[in-house]
N, C-alpha and C. Protein backbone atom coordinates (compact mmCIF):
# COMPACT_ATOMS: atom_id res chain seq x y z
N UNK A 1 9.01 -73.08 -40.77
CA UNK A 1 10.11 -72.12 -40.78
C UNK A 1 10.44 -71.77 -39.33
N UNK A 2 11.73 -71.91 -38.96
CA UNK A 2 12.10 -71.57 -37.58
C UNK A 2 12.11 -70.05 -37.41
N UNK A 3 12.21 -69.61 -36.18
CA UNK A 3 12.10 -68.18 -35.86
C UNK A 3 13.20 -67.36 -36.52
N UNK A 4 14.43 -67.88 -36.60
CA UNK A 4 15.52 -67.15 -37.24
C UNK A 4 15.26 -66.94 -38.72
N UNK A 5 14.79 -67.97 -39.41
CA UNK A 5 14.47 -67.86 -40.84
C UNK A 5 13.29 -66.92 -41.05
N UNK A 6 12.32 -66.98 -40.16
CA UNK A 6 11.17 -66.07 -40.24
C UNK A 6 11.63 -64.62 -40.11
N UNK A 7 12.53 -64.36 -39.16
CA UNK A 7 13.05 -63.00 -38.97
C UNK A 7 13.78 -62.53 -40.23
N UNK A 8 14.63 -63.37 -40.81
CA UNK A 8 15.36 -62.99 -42.03
C UNK A 8 14.38 -62.71 -43.17
N UNK A 9 13.39 -63.56 -43.36
CA UNK A 9 12.41 -63.36 -44.43
C UNK A 9 11.62 -62.07 -44.21
N UNK A 10 11.27 -61.80 -42.97
CA UNK A 10 10.56 -60.56 -42.63
C UNK A 10 11.41 -59.34 -42.98
N UNK A 11 12.67 -59.33 -42.53
CA UNK A 11 13.54 -58.16 -42.71
C UNK A 11 13.96 -57.96 -44.16
N UNK A 12 13.96 -59.00 -44.99
CA UNK A 12 14.27 -58.82 -46.42
C UNK A 12 13.31 -57.85 -47.08
N UNK A 13 12.11 -57.76 -46.55
CA UNK A 13 11.08 -56.91 -47.13
C UNK A 13 11.11 -55.48 -46.63
N UNK A 14 12.08 -55.17 -45.78
CA UNK A 14 12.22 -53.82 -45.24
C UNK A 14 13.39 -53.14 -45.94
N UNK A 15 13.14 -52.06 -46.65
CA UNK A 15 14.21 -51.29 -47.28
C UNK A 15 14.99 -50.57 -46.18
N UNK A 16 16.30 -50.83 -46.13
CA UNK A 16 17.12 -50.28 -45.06
C UNK A 16 18.29 -49.47 -45.62
N UNK A 17 18.62 -48.37 -44.98
CA UNK A 17 19.80 -47.61 -45.43
C UNK A 17 21.06 -48.44 -45.22
N UNK A 18 22.08 -48.14 -46.02
CA UNK A 18 23.34 -48.87 -45.94
C UNK A 18 24.43 -47.94 -45.43
N UNK A 19 25.16 -48.43 -44.45
CA UNK A 19 26.26 -47.69 -43.85
C UNK A 19 27.53 -48.52 -43.94
N UNK A 20 28.66 -47.85 -43.96
CA UNK A 20 29.95 -48.52 -43.79
C UNK A 20 30.40 -48.24 -42.36
N UNK A 21 30.92 -49.26 -41.69
CA UNK A 21 31.46 -49.11 -40.34
C UNK A 21 32.92 -49.51 -40.40
N UNK A 22 33.78 -48.63 -39.92
CA UNK A 22 35.22 -48.89 -39.98
C UNK A 22 35.88 -48.52 -38.65
N UNK A 23 36.95 -49.23 -38.34
CA UNK A 23 37.69 -48.96 -37.10
C UNK A 23 39.08 -49.59 -37.22
N UNK A 24 39.94 -49.16 -36.31
CA UNK A 24 41.28 -49.72 -36.20
C UNK A 24 41.60 -49.88 -34.73
N UNK A 25 42.17 -51.03 -34.36
CA UNK A 25 42.58 -51.26 -32.98
C UNK A 25 43.82 -52.15 -32.99
N UNK A 26 44.29 -52.50 -31.80
CA UNK A 26 45.43 -53.40 -31.74
C UNK A 26 45.08 -54.81 -32.22
N UNK A 27 43.79 -55.08 -32.44
CA UNK A 27 43.34 -56.37 -32.98
C UNK A 27 43.23 -56.35 -34.51
N UNK A 28 43.54 -55.20 -35.12
CA UNK A 28 43.46 -55.08 -36.57
C UNK A 28 42.40 -54.07 -37.00
N UNK A 29 41.85 -54.32 -38.17
CA UNK A 29 40.88 -53.40 -38.78
C UNK A 29 39.48 -54.00 -38.77
N UNK A 30 38.50 -53.12 -38.68
CA UNK A 30 37.10 -53.47 -38.88
C UNK A 30 36.63 -52.72 -40.12
N UNK A 31 35.91 -53.41 -40.99
CA UNK A 31 35.36 -52.78 -42.19
C UNK A 31 34.20 -53.64 -42.69
N UNK A 32 32.99 -53.13 -42.54
CA UNK A 32 31.82 -53.90 -42.95
C UNK A 32 30.65 -52.98 -43.26
N UNK A 33 29.68 -53.51 -44.00
CA UNK A 33 28.45 -52.76 -44.22
C UNK A 33 27.46 -53.15 -43.13
N UNK A 34 26.60 -52.21 -42.82
CA UNK A 34 25.60 -52.46 -41.78
C UNK A 34 24.33 -51.71 -42.12
N UNK A 35 23.21 -52.35 -41.87
CA UNK A 35 21.93 -51.65 -41.94
C UNK A 35 21.35 -51.53 -40.53
N UNK A 36 21.95 -52.26 -39.59
CA UNK A 36 21.50 -52.18 -38.20
C UNK A 36 22.25 -51.05 -37.49
N UNK A 37 21.98 -49.84 -37.96
CA UNK A 37 22.58 -48.62 -37.42
C UNK A 37 21.43 -47.67 -37.14
N UNK A 38 21.45 -47.04 -35.97
CA UNK A 38 20.40 -46.07 -35.67
C UNK A 38 20.86 -45.10 -34.62
N UNK A 39 20.25 -43.93 -34.61
CA UNK A 39 20.53 -42.98 -33.54
C UNK A 39 19.75 -43.42 -32.30
N UNK A 40 20.35 -43.22 -31.15
CA UNK A 40 19.77 -43.68 -29.89
C UNK A 40 19.39 -42.51 -29.00
N UNK A 41 20.25 -41.50 -28.96
CA UNK A 41 20.06 -40.40 -28.01
C UNK A 41 20.68 -39.13 -28.57
N UNK A 42 20.09 -37.99 -28.23
CA UNK A 42 20.68 -36.70 -28.59
C UNK A 42 21.53 -36.13 -27.46
N UNK A 43 21.23 -36.52 -26.22
CA UNK A 43 22.00 -36.02 -25.08
C UNK A 43 22.30 -37.16 -24.13
N UNK A 44 23.45 -37.77 -24.20
CA UNK A 44 24.54 -37.48 -25.15
C UNK A 44 24.19 -38.00 -26.54
N UNK A 45 24.88 -37.49 -27.57
CA UNK A 45 24.58 -37.94 -28.94
C UNK A 45 25.14 -39.35 -29.18
N UNK A 46 24.25 -40.34 -29.22
CA UNK A 46 24.67 -41.74 -29.33
C UNK A 46 24.12 -42.39 -30.59
N UNK A 47 24.97 -43.23 -31.19
CA UNK A 47 24.57 -44.07 -32.32
C UNK A 47 24.78 -45.52 -31.92
N UNK A 48 24.00 -46.41 -32.53
CA UNK A 48 24.11 -47.83 -32.27
C UNK A 48 24.42 -48.56 -33.57
N UNK A 49 25.31 -49.55 -33.46
CA UNK A 49 25.58 -50.46 -34.57
C UNK A 49 25.73 -51.85 -33.97
N UNK A 50 25.34 -52.88 -34.73
CA UNK A 50 25.58 -54.23 -34.24
C UNK A 50 26.52 -54.94 -35.20
N UNK A 51 27.37 -55.80 -34.64
CA UNK A 51 28.36 -56.52 -35.42
C UNK A 51 28.29 -58.00 -35.05
N UNK A 52 28.30 -58.85 -36.06
CA UNK A 52 28.23 -60.30 -35.85
C UNK A 52 29.45 -60.78 -35.08
N UNK A 53 29.21 -61.61 -34.09
CA UNK A 53 30.31 -62.12 -33.27
C UNK A 53 31.27 -62.98 -34.08
N UNK A 54 30.82 -63.62 -35.15
CA UNK A 54 31.69 -64.43 -35.99
C UNK A 54 32.42 -63.66 -37.07
N UNK A 55 32.18 -62.37 -37.16
CA UNK A 55 32.79 -61.54 -38.20
C UNK A 55 34.26 -61.25 -37.89
N UNK A 56 35.07 -61.13 -38.94
CA UNK A 56 36.47 -60.73 -38.77
C UNK A 56 36.59 -59.31 -38.23
N UNK A 57 35.53 -58.52 -38.38
CA UNK A 57 35.54 -57.14 -37.89
C UNK A 57 35.12 -57.03 -36.43
N UNK A 58 34.58 -58.11 -35.86
CA UNK A 58 34.05 -58.04 -34.50
C UNK A 58 35.09 -57.60 -33.48
N UNK A 59 36.14 -58.35 -33.31
CA UNK A 59 37.11 -58.04 -32.27
C UNK A 59 37.80 -56.70 -32.48
N UNK A 60 38.21 -56.36 -33.72
CA UNK A 60 38.80 -55.03 -33.90
C UNK A 60 37.84 -53.89 -33.53
N UNK A 61 36.55 -54.03 -33.86
CA UNK A 61 35.59 -52.97 -33.50
C UNK A 61 35.40 -52.91 -31.99
N UNK A 62 35.26 -54.07 -31.36
CA UNK A 62 35.02 -54.10 -29.92
C UNK A 62 36.21 -53.52 -29.16
N UNK A 63 37.42 -53.73 -29.65
CA UNK A 63 38.63 -53.24 -28.99
C UNK A 63 38.96 -51.79 -29.32
N UNK A 64 38.39 -51.25 -30.39
CA UNK A 64 38.72 -49.89 -30.83
C UNK A 64 38.19 -48.85 -29.85
N UNK A 65 38.97 -47.80 -29.68
CA UNK A 65 38.52 -46.66 -28.87
C UNK A 65 37.56 -45.80 -29.68
N UNK A 66 37.81 -45.72 -31.00
CA UNK A 66 37.00 -44.91 -31.90
C UNK A 66 36.56 -45.75 -33.09
N UNK A 67 35.48 -45.31 -33.74
CA UNK A 67 35.07 -45.90 -35.00
C UNK A 67 34.33 -44.87 -35.82
N UNK A 68 34.13 -45.20 -37.10
CA UNK A 68 33.49 -44.27 -38.04
C UNK A 68 32.28 -44.96 -38.67
N UNK A 69 31.18 -44.23 -38.73
CA UNK A 69 30.00 -44.68 -39.48
C UNK A 69 29.87 -43.76 -40.69
N UNK A 70 29.83 -44.36 -41.89
CA UNK A 70 29.74 -43.60 -43.13
C UNK A 70 28.41 -43.89 -43.80
N UNK A 71 27.70 -42.83 -44.16
CA UNK A 71 26.44 -42.95 -44.90
C UNK A 71 26.77 -43.07 -46.37
N UNK A 72 26.27 -44.12 -47.02
CA UNK A 72 26.57 -44.37 -48.42
C UNK A 72 25.41 -43.98 -49.32
N UNK A 73 25.76 -43.47 -50.50
CA UNK A 73 24.75 -43.17 -51.51
C UNK A 73 24.80 -44.26 -52.59
N UNK A 74 23.88 -44.19 -53.53
CA UNK A 74 23.86 -45.18 -54.61
C UNK A 74 25.16 -45.15 -55.39
N UNK A 75 25.79 -43.98 -55.49
CA UNK A 75 27.09 -43.85 -56.17
C UNK A 75 28.20 -44.61 -55.43
N UNK A 76 27.99 -44.92 -54.17
CA UNK A 76 29.00 -45.61 -53.35
C UNK A 76 28.73 -47.10 -53.23
N UNK A 77 27.88 -47.65 -54.07
CA UNK A 77 27.50 -49.07 -53.92
C UNK A 77 28.69 -50.01 -54.05
N UNK A 78 29.73 -49.62 -54.81
CA UNK A 78 30.92 -50.47 -54.90
C UNK A 78 31.57 -50.62 -53.52
N UNK A 79 31.60 -49.54 -52.76
CA UNK A 79 32.14 -49.61 -51.39
C UNK A 79 31.32 -50.62 -50.58
N UNK A 80 30.01 -50.53 -50.68
CA UNK A 80 29.14 -51.45 -49.94
C UNK A 80 29.36 -52.90 -50.37
N UNK A 81 29.46 -53.13 -51.67
CA UNK A 81 29.64 -54.49 -52.16
C UNK A 81 30.95 -55.10 -51.65
N UNK A 82 32.02 -54.32 -51.68
CA UNK A 82 33.32 -54.83 -51.22
C UNK A 82 33.31 -55.04 -49.71
N UNK A 83 32.81 -54.07 -48.96
CA UNK A 83 32.83 -54.20 -47.50
C UNK A 83 31.89 -55.29 -46.99
N UNK A 84 30.92 -55.71 -47.82
CA UNK A 84 30.01 -56.78 -47.42
C UNK A 84 30.65 -58.17 -47.59
N UNK A 85 31.77 -58.24 -48.30
CA UNK A 85 32.41 -59.54 -48.52
C UNK A 85 33.00 -60.10 -47.24
N UNK A 86 33.14 -61.40 -47.19
CA UNK A 86 33.73 -62.09 -46.04
C UNK A 86 35.23 -62.26 -46.30
N UNK A 87 35.93 -61.17 -46.24
CA UNK A 87 37.35 -61.12 -46.54
C UNK A 87 38.04 -60.36 -45.41
N UNK A 88 39.35 -60.38 -45.41
CA UNK A 88 40.11 -59.64 -44.42
C UNK A 88 39.75 -58.15 -44.50
N UNK A 89 39.36 -57.53 -43.38
CA UNK A 89 38.95 -56.12 -43.41
C UNK A 89 40.00 -55.17 -43.99
N UNK A 90 41.27 -55.38 -43.68
CA UNK A 90 42.31 -54.50 -44.23
C UNK A 90 42.37 -54.61 -45.74
N UNK A 91 42.25 -55.82 -46.28
CA UNK A 91 42.23 -56.00 -47.74
C UNK A 91 41.04 -55.28 -48.37
N UNK A 92 39.88 -55.36 -47.72
CA UNK A 92 38.70 -54.68 -48.25
C UNK A 92 38.93 -53.17 -48.28
N UNK A 93 39.51 -52.64 -47.20
CA UNK A 93 39.78 -51.20 -47.15
C UNK A 93 40.75 -50.79 -48.25
N UNK A 94 41.77 -51.59 -48.48
CA UNK A 94 42.73 -51.26 -49.53
C UNK A 94 42.08 -51.29 -50.91
N UNK A 95 41.14 -52.19 -51.11
CA UNK A 95 40.45 -52.28 -52.40
C UNK A 95 39.57 -51.07 -52.68
N UNK A 96 38.89 -50.55 -51.66
CA UNK A 96 38.00 -49.41 -51.88
C UNK A 96 38.71 -48.08 -51.69
N UNK A 97 39.86 -48.09 -51.05
CA UNK A 97 40.58 -46.86 -50.76
C UNK A 97 40.05 -46.24 -49.48
N UNK A 98 40.96 -45.72 -48.68
CA UNK A 98 40.57 -45.06 -47.44
C UNK A 98 41.62 -44.05 -47.04
N UNK A 99 41.22 -43.14 -46.19
CA UNK A 99 42.21 -42.24 -45.61
C UNK A 99 42.27 -42.53 -44.12
N UNK A 100 43.47 -42.47 -43.60
CA UNK A 100 43.67 -42.74 -42.19
C UNK A 100 43.37 -41.47 -41.40
N UNK A 101 42.54 -41.59 -40.37
CA UNK A 101 42.20 -40.45 -39.52
C UNK A 101 42.46 -40.85 -38.07
N UNK A 102 42.46 -39.89 -37.15
CA UNK A 102 42.60 -40.24 -35.74
C UNK A 102 41.47 -41.14 -35.23
N UNK A 103 40.35 -41.18 -35.96
CA UNK A 103 39.21 -42.01 -35.57
C UNK A 103 39.20 -43.36 -36.27
N UNK A 104 40.17 -43.60 -37.14
CA UNK A 104 40.25 -44.86 -37.86
C UNK A 104 40.21 -44.64 -39.35
N UNK A 105 40.11 -45.72 -40.11
CA UNK A 105 40.07 -45.60 -41.58
C UNK A 105 38.72 -45.05 -42.04
N UNK A 106 38.78 -44.10 -42.96
CA UNK A 106 37.56 -43.47 -43.48
C UNK A 106 37.43 -43.76 -44.96
N UNK A 107 36.32 -44.39 -45.36
CA UNK A 107 36.05 -44.67 -46.76
C UNK A 107 35.21 -43.54 -47.35
N UNK A 108 35.12 -43.54 -48.69
CA UNK A 108 34.32 -42.47 -49.32
C UNK A 108 32.84 -42.67 -48.98
N UNK A 109 32.14 -41.57 -48.95
CA UNK A 109 30.71 -41.58 -48.64
C UNK A 109 30.24 -40.15 -48.53
N UNK A 110 28.95 -39.96 -48.38
CA UNK A 110 28.39 -38.61 -48.35
C UNK A 110 28.43 -37.95 -46.98
N UNK A 111 28.52 -38.76 -45.94
CA UNK A 111 28.57 -38.20 -44.59
C UNK A 111 29.27 -39.19 -43.67
N UNK A 112 29.99 -38.65 -42.70
CA UNK A 112 30.75 -39.48 -41.77
C UNK A 112 30.49 -39.01 -40.35
N UNK A 113 30.34 -39.95 -39.45
CA UNK A 113 30.29 -39.65 -38.03
C UNK A 113 31.49 -40.30 -37.37
N UNK A 114 32.20 -39.52 -36.55
CA UNK A 114 33.34 -40.03 -35.79
C UNK A 114 32.85 -40.27 -34.37
N UNK A 115 33.03 -41.49 -33.90
CA UNK A 115 32.46 -41.87 -32.61
C UNK A 115 33.51 -42.46 -31.68
N UNK A 116 33.33 -42.19 -30.40
CA UNK A 116 34.11 -42.90 -29.38
C UNK A 116 33.21 -44.00 -28.83
N UNK A 117 33.82 -45.16 -28.61
CA UNK A 117 33.01 -46.28 -28.09
C UNK A 117 32.51 -45.90 -26.70
N UNK A 118 31.22 -46.06 -26.49
CA UNK A 118 30.59 -45.65 -25.24
C UNK A 118 30.25 -46.87 -24.38
N UNK A 119 29.55 -47.86 -24.97
CA UNK A 119 29.18 -49.08 -24.27
C UNK A 119 29.02 -50.22 -25.28
N UNK A 120 29.14 -51.46 -24.82
CA UNK A 120 28.82 -52.62 -25.63
C UNK A 120 27.87 -53.51 -24.84
N UNK A 121 27.02 -54.21 -25.57
CA UNK A 121 26.04 -55.10 -24.96
C UNK A 121 25.95 -56.39 -25.76
N UNK A 122 25.66 -57.48 -25.08
CA UNK A 122 25.43 -58.74 -25.74
C UNK A 122 24.11 -58.66 -26.50
N UNK A 123 24.12 -59.11 -27.74
CA UNK A 123 22.90 -59.14 -28.55
C UNK A 123 22.76 -60.46 -29.26
N UNK A 124 22.84 -61.56 -28.52
CA UNK A 124 22.73 -62.89 -29.13
C UNK A 124 23.96 -63.20 -29.95
N UNK A 125 23.79 -63.42 -31.26
CA UNK A 125 24.94 -63.71 -32.10
C UNK A 125 25.63 -62.44 -32.59
N UNK A 126 25.21 -61.29 -32.09
CA UNK A 126 25.82 -60.00 -32.39
C UNK A 126 26.22 -59.29 -31.09
N UNK A 127 27.09 -58.32 -31.22
CA UNK A 127 27.39 -57.41 -30.12
C UNK A 127 26.85 -56.04 -30.52
N UNK A 128 26.13 -55.42 -29.62
CA UNK A 128 25.59 -54.08 -29.85
C UNK A 128 26.61 -53.08 -29.33
N UNK A 129 26.99 -52.16 -30.19
CA UNK A 129 27.99 -51.15 -29.85
C UNK A 129 27.33 -49.78 -29.88
N UNK A 130 27.44 -49.06 -28.77
CA UNK A 130 26.98 -47.68 -28.73
C UNK A 130 28.20 -46.77 -28.82
N UNK A 131 28.11 -45.78 -29.68
CA UNK A 131 29.19 -44.82 -29.83
C UNK A 131 28.70 -43.42 -29.61
N UNK A 132 29.53 -42.61 -28.98
CA UNK A 132 29.20 -41.21 -28.76
C UNK A 132 29.78 -40.38 -29.91
N UNK A 133 28.93 -39.58 -30.53
CA UNK A 133 29.37 -38.76 -31.67
C UNK A 133 30.34 -37.70 -31.17
N UNK A 134 31.54 -37.70 -31.75
CA UNK A 134 32.58 -36.74 -31.39
C UNK A 134 32.79 -35.70 -32.48
N UNK A 135 32.30 -35.98 -33.68
CA UNK A 135 32.47 -35.06 -34.81
C UNK A 135 32.05 -35.76 -36.07
N UNK A 136 32.42 -35.16 -37.21
CA UNK A 136 32.10 -35.77 -38.48
C UNK A 136 32.13 -34.78 -39.60
N UNK A 137 31.61 -35.20 -40.74
CA UNK A 137 31.54 -34.32 -41.90
C UNK A 137 30.33 -34.72 -42.74
N UNK A 138 29.71 -33.73 -43.33
CA UNK A 138 28.59 -33.96 -44.24
C UNK A 138 28.93 -33.23 -45.52
N UNK A 139 29.04 -33.97 -46.63
CA UNK A 139 29.48 -33.39 -47.89
C UNK A 139 28.36 -32.75 -48.69
N UNK A 140 27.12 -33.15 -48.41
CA UNK A 140 25.99 -32.61 -49.16
C UNK A 140 24.86 -32.30 -48.18
N UNK A 141 23.98 -31.36 -48.58
CA UNK A 141 22.83 -31.06 -47.73
C UNK A 141 21.81 -32.19 -47.76
N UNK A 142 21.74 -32.87 -48.91
CA UNK A 142 20.76 -33.94 -49.08
C UNK A 142 21.38 -35.01 -49.97
N UNK A 143 21.29 -36.25 -49.52
CA UNK A 143 21.75 -37.37 -50.36
C UNK A 143 20.64 -37.63 -51.38
N UNK A 144 20.92 -37.31 -52.63
CA UNK A 144 19.90 -37.42 -53.68
C UNK A 144 19.46 -38.86 -53.94
N UNK A 145 20.43 -39.79 -53.89
CA UNK A 145 20.12 -41.19 -54.13
C UNK A 145 20.71 -42.03 -53.01
N UNK A 146 20.01 -42.13 -51.88
CA UNK A 146 20.55 -42.93 -50.77
C UNK A 146 20.63 -44.40 -51.15
N UNK A 147 21.68 -45.06 -50.69
CA UNK A 147 21.83 -46.49 -50.94
C UNK A 147 20.99 -47.24 -49.93
N UNK A 148 20.12 -48.10 -50.44
CA UNK A 148 19.30 -48.93 -49.56
C UNK A 148 19.45 -50.39 -49.98
N UNK A 149 19.21 -51.26 -49.01
CA UNK A 149 19.27 -52.69 -49.25
C UNK A 149 17.86 -53.23 -49.09
N UNK A 150 17.37 -53.86 -50.16
CA UNK A 150 16.02 -54.39 -50.14
C UNK A 150 15.98 -55.70 -50.90
N UNK A 151 15.48 -56.71 -50.27
CA UNK A 151 15.35 -58.04 -50.82
C UNK A 151 16.63 -58.51 -51.52
N UNK A 152 17.72 -58.47 -50.75
CA UNK A 152 19.04 -58.98 -51.14
C UNK A 152 19.71 -58.24 -52.28
N UNK A 153 19.35 -56.97 -52.48
CA UNK A 153 20.05 -56.21 -53.51
C UNK A 153 20.11 -54.74 -53.11
N UNK A 154 21.12 -54.07 -53.65
CA UNK A 154 21.27 -52.65 -53.44
C UNK A 154 20.43 -51.91 -54.44
N UNK A 155 19.78 -50.86 -53.97
CA UNK A 155 18.93 -50.05 -54.83
C UNK A 155 18.89 -48.65 -54.22
N UNK A 156 17.99 -47.83 -54.70
CA UNK A 156 17.78 -46.51 -54.11
C UNK A 156 16.28 -46.22 -54.11
N UNK A 157 15.90 -45.16 -53.44
CA UNK A 157 14.48 -44.84 -53.33
C UNK A 157 14.03 -43.89 -54.42
N UNK A 158 14.95 -43.36 -55.18
CA UNK A 158 14.60 -42.41 -56.24
C UNK A 158 14.91 -42.96 -57.62
């Protein structure tokens, strides 16, 4: 097994939260699911997401001034399933429904962070994007059934 396949097999066994990442730029729309999302810093408040260089969402996200990270619950798994498809990002957004905001298209979810692009870095076949938290919304105090991805399927921890 080569190193890339070993890494994929290893990570399949890690239950990871599922996020939606959306943006709009002069290159079009970005809309995809991501589990490679994490907080990086509190001062300044930074989040990290990585996007595949071959993805249709790559260039729109890299060119966007702002983007949105949405935390999905098990009730939002349809959003995750659609945004995970290899289809035109704008079509995916239209299928799940979104509202247009100054930070880009916002899909349904339990919590949203509005970010300004802070820095980008090369990450092999991905680009690492750091965003500075500018605002957001949290609809619930606690996500009762967080959406997680484990061994190629969506599930929850409860």
